[in-house]
Amino acid sequence: MANRHLSRSVVLQTLFEWDFKGKPAEGVEEMLVRNNTEFAPGLEDMHFMETLTNNVVKKITIIDEIITKAAPEWPIEKISSVDRNILRMGLAELLFGDYNQVPPKVAINESIELAKTFGGENSGRFVNGVLGAVYKELGEPGKDQKSKRQIKNEPLDLTKLPIEKKAGAVVYAEKDGVYYLALVHDVFGYWTLSKGSAEAGESPEVAAVREIKEEMNLDITIREKLGESEYIASHPVQGKIRKQVTFFLAQSPYVPVTLENDSGGLDDTRWFTLPEVAELKMYDDVTALIAKSIQIITK
């Protein structure tokens, strides 16, 4: 079996060189072949290395946007070149890889090991935090495949974790007897609900109204509370955080919906009829909230 850790090291060297040269549109294939010959002579894993390298190069805009979203305190150009390209590789495997060939946890662990080997003193922790946050947003694919190390770990003491309050809404409108839902599209490829962090002193209702206005430019009226959820997220600097989200059902006039420019991690927003919503790619928890909302508004 090919040494995948060595293969990733060759890809990292190639991406480091490509990044240093200003990310040229052509020539990365030649860099990869040369680096493979120089640093791993005899390694026959070119298909894997080409696929991983090309996924990073072709999806660089999306990948860098996700890094920015997952580590907002660290502008992409301020992250060291080694850490930056390790993150790009890890995200390429998480987002565009074949989970049957490389399970998500393997991709994350391999990235951490590369960071410890080639990065600085805190690189391993930083890479772990960023990729862990993205893995959580993806719904933790393969999370039931626990490692022996995870089984031995003691459970988290939730009372000691910082809490971040968030609020969002299922936004609907009615026009000529037809119901519509306003959804946002994230850079992970899912249609989801607009939500954001509550500011100091804000109630969940006030936070939801403000966030929807700031993100989709809609003036909503809260109809009722749909429910609450809580999950543990990994922040690249602060560590693990308890995120508590309150969702509401809210009504809006049927007016054009526009995505604000500073809506990090989102790339589109639209109105959908209820039959159209059923065909969209969505997270499981969002699907449940929308199903509950449709039952309410169509009574």
Protein backbone atom coordinates (compact mmCIF):
# COMPACT_ATOMS: atom_id res chain seq x y z
CA MET A 1 0.00 0.00 0.00
CA ALA A 2 1.24 3.46 -0.83
CA ASN A 3 2.50 5.57 2.01
CA ARG A 4 -0.25 8.17 2.14
CA HIS A 5 1.51 10.25 4.77
CA LEU A 6 4.52 10.59 2.48
CA SER A 7 2.19 11.34 -0.44
CA ARG A 8 0.59 14.18 1.51
CA SER A 9 4.04 15.50 2.37
CA VAL A 10 4.84 15.70 -1.35
CA VAL A 11 1.53 17.47 -2.03
CA LEU A 12 2.27 19.92 0.79
CA GLN A 13 5.68 20.71 -0.68
CA THR A 14 4.05 21.27 -4.07
CA LEU A 15 1.32 23.53 -2.72
CA PHE A 16 3.86 25.47 -0.68
CA GLU A 17 5.86 26.13 -3.85
CA TRP A 18 2.73 26.95 -5.86
CA ASP A 19 1.55 29.36 -3.16
CA PHE A 20 5.00 30.99 -2.91
CA LYS A 21 5.03 31.60 -6.66
CA GLY A 22 1.69 33.40 -6.50
CA LYS A 23 -0.62 30.47 -7.31
CA PRO A 24 0.04 30.39 -11.09
CA ALA A 25 -2.75 29.02 -13.28
CA GLU A 26 -0.40 26.51 -14.91
CA GLY A 27 2.61 24.46 -13.91
CA VAL A 28 1.44 22.82 -10.68
CA GLU A 29 1.46 19.38 -12.33
CA GLU A 30 5.12 19.76 -13.24
CA MET A 31 5.91 20.88 -9.67
CA LEU A 32 4.19 17.77 -8.31
CA VAL A 33 6.07 15.37 -10.60
CA ARG A 34 9.40 17.04 -9.79
CA ASN A 35 8.76 16.99 -6.03
CA ASN A 36 7.65 13.38 -6.14
CA THR A 37 10.88 12.43 -7.92
CA GLU A 38 13.01 14.49 -5.54
CA PHE A 39 11.41 13.77 -2.16
CA ALA A 40 9.77 10.36 -2.66
CA PRO A 41 11.57 8.42 -5.41
CA GLY A 42 9.82 5.14 -6.10
CA LEU A 43 6.52 6.24 -4.51
CA GLU A 44 3.74 5.12 -6.84
CA ASP A 45 0.74 7.06 -5.60
CA MET A 46 0.49 9.72 -8.29
CA HIS A 47 -3.28 9.41 -8.78
CA PHE A 48 -3.96 10.25 -5.14
CA MET A 49 -1.47 13.11 -5.15
CA GLU A 50 -2.81 14.56 -8.40
CA THR A 51 -6.40 14.37 -7.18
CA LEU A 52 -5.61 16.06 -3.87
CA THR A 53 -3.47 18.76 -5.49
CA ASN A 54 -6.05 19.51 -8.18
CA ASN A 55 -8.89 19.67 -5.66
CA VAL A 56 -6.99 22.36 -3.76
CA VAL A 57 -6.00 24.33 -6.86
CA LYS A 58 -9.42 24.21 -8.53
CA LYS A 59 -11.41 24.88 -5.34
CA ILE A 60 -9.00 27.41 -3.80
CA THR A 61 -11.56 30.23 -3.63
CA ILE A 62 -14.13 28.14 -1.76
CA ILE A 63 -11.52 26.54 0.48
CA ASP A 64 -9.95 29.86 1.49
CA GLU A 65 -13.39 31.30 2.22
CA ILE A 66 -14.10 28.38 4.54
CA ILE A 67 -10.78 28.91 6.33
CA THR A 68 -11.71 32.57 6.80
CA LYS A 69 -15.08 31.58 8.22
CA ALA A 70 -13.63 28.96 10.56
CA ALA A 71 -10.77 31.19 11.78
CA PRO A 72 -12.09 34.78 11.51
CA GLU A 73 -9.36 36.17 13.79
CA TRP A 74 -6.71 34.94 11.35
CA PRO A 75 -6.80 36.56 7.88
CA ILE A 76 -5.74 34.03 5.28
CA GLU A 77 -2.61 35.99 4.36
CA LYS A 78 -1.53 36.11 8.03
CA ILE A 79 -1.56 32.33 8.44
CA SER A 80 1.87 30.83 7.83
CA SER A 81 2.27 29.31 4.37
CA VAL A 82 2.80 25.83 5.82
CA ASP A 83 -0.30 25.97 8.04
CA ARG A 84 -2.34 27.59 5.29
CA ASN A 85 -1.61 24.85 2.78
CA ILE A 86 -2.07 22.06 5.31
CA LEU A 87 -5.52 23.49 6.01
CA ARG A 88 -6.23 23.63 2.29
CA MET A 89 -5.28 19.99 1.90
CA GLY A 90 -7.33 18.91 4.90
CA LEU A 91 -10.39 20.82 3.71
CA ALA A 92 -10.04 19.43 0.20
CA GLU A 93 -10.22 15.92 1.64
CA LEU A 94 -13.07 16.79 4.00
CA LEU A 95 -15.18 18.54 1.37
CA PHE A 96 -14.33 16.88 -1.92
CA GLY A 97 -12.69 13.57 -1.03
CA ASP A 98 -14.03 10.03 -1.08
CA TYR A 99 -14.96 9.13 2.50
CA ASN A 100 -14.73 5.43 1.65
CA GLN A 101 -11.08 5.89 0.70
CA VAL A 102 -10.15 8.49 3.32
CA PRO A 103 -12.53 8.83 6.31
CA PRO A 104 -12.88 12.42 7.60
CA LYS A 105 -11.15 11.66 10.90
CA VAL A 106 -8.18 10.20 9.06
CA ALA A 107 -7.91 13.33 6.92
CA ILE A 108 -7.97 15.52 10.03
CA ASN A 109 -5.43 13.42 11.91
CA GLU A 110 -3.08 13.35 8.91
CA SER A 111 -3.28 17.14 8.65
CA ILE A 112 -2.47 17.51 12.34
CA GLU A 113 0.56 15.25 11.97
CA LEU A 114 1.80 17.27 8.99
CA ALA A 115 1.38 20.46 11.03
CA LYS A 116 3.37 19.01 13.91
CA THR A 117 6.12 17.89 11.56
CA PHE A 118 6.44 20.87 9.24
CA GLY A 119 4.75 23.73 11.11
CA GLY A 120 5.47 25.74 14.22
CA GLU A 121 4.98 24.99 17.89
CA ASN A 122 1.22 25.71 17.86
CA SER A 123 0.49 24.55 14.30
CA GLY A 124 -0.98 21.20 15.31
CA ARG A 125 -3.46 22.78 17.69
CA PHE A 126 -4.39 25.48 15.19
CA VAL A 127 -5.01 23.03 12.35
CA ASN A 128 -6.99 20.78 14.66
CA GLY A 129 -9.19 23.69 15.75
CA VAL A 130 -9.97 24.89 12.23
CA LEU A 131 -10.62 21.47 10.70
CA GLY A 132 -12.57 20.41 13.78
CA ALA A 133 -14.86 23.43 13.41
CA VAL A 134 -15.53 22.62 9.75
CA TYR A 135 -16.07 18.95 10.56
CA LYS A 136 -18.71 20.00 13.07
CA GLU A 137 -20.44 22.23 10.52
CA LEU A 138 -20.54 19.31 8.08
CA GLY A 139 -22.51 17.30 10.63
CA GLU A 140 -19.55 15.16 11.73
CA PRO A 141 -19.66 12.57 8.92
CA GLY A 142 -18.48 9.21 10.18
CA LYS A 143 -18.66 10.40 13.78
CA ASP A 144 -19.95 7.02 14.98
CA GLN A 145 -16.66 5.41 13.98
CA LYS A 146 -14.95 6.10 17.29
CA SER A 147 -11.25 5.54 17.76
CA LYS A 148 -9.78 3.82 20.81
CA ARG A 149 -8.38 7.15 21.95
CA GLN A 150 -11.86 8.72 21.83
CA ILE A 151 -13.39 5.88 23.80
CA LYS A 152 -10.86 6.38 26.57
CA ASN A 153 -11.35 10.15 26.75
CA GLU A 154 -13.33 11.42 29.70
CA PRO A 155 -16.57 13.31 28.90
CA LEU A 156 -16.41 17.10 28.67
CA ASP A 157 -17.43 19.17 31.66
CA LEU A 158 -19.96 21.38 29.88
CA THR A 159 -20.24 23.73 32.83
CA LYS A 160 -16.68 24.92 32.23
CA LEU A 161 -17.11 25.74 28.52
CA PRO A 162 -17.87 29.29 27.32
CA ILE A 163 -21.33 29.79 25.81
CA GLU A 164 -22.19 31.62 22.59
CA LYS A 165 -25.85 32.48 22.06
CA LYS A 166 -27.17 32.44 18.48
CA ALA A 167 -30.57 32.98 16.88
CA GLY A 168 -32.11 32.36 13.48
CA ALA A 169 -35.40 31.79 11.74
CA VAL A 170 -37.34 29.90 9.14
CA VAL A 171 -38.57 32.86 7.09
CA TYR A 172 -41.72 32.49 5.01
CA ALA A 173 -43.88 34.71 2.82
CA GLU A 174 -47.21 34.33 1.06
CA LYS A 175 -48.13 35.70 -2.37
CA ASP A 176 -51.27 34.89 -4.33
CA GLY A 177 -51.93 31.87 -2.17
CA VAL A 178 -48.43 30.43 -2.64
CA TYR A 179 -46.03 30.03 0.25
CA TYR A 180 -42.30 30.67 -0.10
CA LEU A 181 -39.31 30.08 2.18
CA ALA A 182 -36.19 32.28 2.15
CA LEU A 183 -32.99 30.23 2.53
CA VAL A 184 -29.28 30.94 2.34
CA HIS A 185 -26.65 28.80 0.62
CA ASP A 186 -23.36 28.13 2.39
CA VAL A 187 -19.94 27.41 0.99
CA PHE A 188 -20.29 23.76 2.06
CA GLY A 189 -22.96 23.34 -0.64
CA TYR A 190 -26.05 23.28 1.60
CA TRP A 191 -29.19 25.42 1.67
CA THR A 192 -29.73 26.41 5.27
CA LEU A 193 -31.28 28.95 7.64
CA SER A 194 -30.04 32.44 8.27
CA LYS A 195 -28.68 32.76 11.81
CA GLY A 196 -26.06 34.65 13.77
CA SER A 197 -24.67 35.48 17.18
CA ALA A 198 -26.70 37.51 19.65
CA GLU A 199 -25.11 40.74 20.77
CA ALA A 200 -24.75 41.69 24.42
CA GLY A 201 -28.13 42.27 26.03
CA GLU A 202 -30.16 41.05 23.04
CA SER A 203 -33.04 38.63 23.45
CA PRO A 204 -33.15 35.74 20.96
CA GLU A 205 -36.13 37.37 19.20
CA VAL A 206 -34.33 40.68 18.74
CA ALA A 207 -31.17 38.91 17.59
CA ALA A 208 -33.09 36.89 14.98
CA VAL A 209 -34.81 39.98 13.57
CA ARG A 210 -31.50 41.84 13.33
CA GLU A 211 -29.59 38.93 11.81
CA ILE A 212 -32.20 38.31 9.10
CA LYS A 213 -32.18 41.99 8.20
CA GLU A 214 -28.39 42.16 8.10
CA GLU A 215 -27.94 38.90 6.19
CA MET A 216 -30.89 38.81 3.75
CA ASN A 217 -32.24 42.37 3.95
CA LEU A 218 -35.70 41.17 5.03
CA ASP A 219 -37.94 42.75 7.64
CA ILE A 220 -39.47 39.87 9.56
CA THR A 221 -42.15 39.42 12.18
CA ILE A 222 -41.61 36.63 14.68
CA ARG A 223 -44.59 34.27 14.76
CA GLU A 224 -43.51 31.60 17.22
CA LYS A 225 -40.56 29.77 18.64
CA LEU A 226 -39.63 26.55 16.84
CA GLY A 227 -37.06 25.19 19.26
CA GLU A 228 -33.54 25.30 20.61
CA SER A 229 -30.41 23.31 19.93
CA GLU A 230 -26.95 23.13 21.41
CA TYR A 231 -23.69 21.79 20.03
CA ILE A 232 -20.02 21.88 20.89
CA ALA A 233 -17.80 23.66 18.37
CA SER A 234 -14.01 23.84 18.24
CA HIS A 235 -12.64 27.37 17.97
CA PRO A 236 -9.06 27.54 16.63
CA VAL A 237 -8.03 29.95 19.40
CA GLN A 238 -10.54 29.65 22.26
CA GLY A 239 -10.92 25.88 22.08
CA LYS A 240 -14.29 24.18 22.61
CA ILE A 241 -17.40 26.39 22.88
CA ARG A 242 -21.03 25.62 23.67
CA LYS A 243 -23.18 27.15 20.95
CA GLN A 244 -26.83 27.54 21.89
CA VAL A 245 -29.15 28.37 18.99
CA THR A 246 -32.80 29.46 19.17
CA PHE A 247 -34.88 29.21 15.99
CA PHE A 248 -38.15 30.97 15.25
CA LEU A 249 -40.82 30.89 12.59
CA ALA A 250 -40.96 34.36 11.06
CA GLN A 251 -43.02 36.02 8.34
CA SER A 252 -41.75 38.49 5.77
CA PRO A 253 -43.26 40.39 2.85
CA TYR A 254 -42.53 38.69 -0.47
CA VAL A 255 -39.89 41.11 -1.66
CA PRO A 256 -36.53 40.57 -3.38
CA VAL A 257 -34.02 38.89 -1.08
CA THR A 258 -30.38 39.92 -1.31
CA LEU A 259 -27.29 38.49 0.33
CA GLU A 260 -25.23 41.11 2.10
CA ASN A 261 -21.56 41.29 1.09
CA ASP A 262 -20.21 40.59 4.59
CA SER A 263 -22.20 37.39 5.10
CA GLY A 264 -19.17 35.18 5.73
CA GLY A 265 -19.48 31.57 4.60
CA LEU A 266 -22.57 32.22 2.43
CA ASP A 267 -22.70 32.64 -1.33
CA ASP A 268 -26.40 32.86 -2.27
CA THR A 269 -29.93 33.44 -1.00
CA ARG A 270 -33.29 32.80 -2.67
CA TRP A 271 -37.01 32.29 -2.22
CA PHE A 272 -38.28 28.75 -2.82
CA THR A 273 -41.80 27.37 -3.10
CA LEU A 274 -42.58 24.55 -0.70
CA PRO A 275 -42.30 21.83 -3.40
CA GLU A 276 -38.92 23.25 -4.45
CA VAL A 277 -37.64 23.12 -0.87
CA ALA A 278 -38.13 19.35 -0.79
CA GLU A 279 -35.53 18.92 -3.55
CA LEU A 280 -32.77 20.95 -1.88
CA LYS A 281 -29.61 19.65 -0.22
CA MET A 282 -29.97 20.58 3.47
CA TYR A 283 -28.64 19.61 6.89
CA ASP A 284 -30.78 17.13 8.83
CA ASP A 285 -31.56 19.52 11.68
CA VAL A 286 -32.58 22.24 9.20
CA THR A 287 -34.85 19.79 7.39
CA ALA A 288 -36.61 18.99 10.66
CA LEU A 289 -37.17 22.69 11.46
CA ILE A 290 -38.50 23.38 7.97
CA ALA A 291 -40.84 20.38 8.12
CA LYS A 292 -42.25 21.67 11.42
CA SER A 293 -42.63 25.16 9.96
CA ILE A 294 -44.49 23.91 6.89
CA GLN A 295 -46.93 22.06 9.10
CA ILE A 296 -47.66 25.29 10.97
CA ILE A 297 -48.00 27.68 8.05
CA THR A 298 -50.15 25.35 5.92
CA LYS A 299 -52.72 24.58 8.60
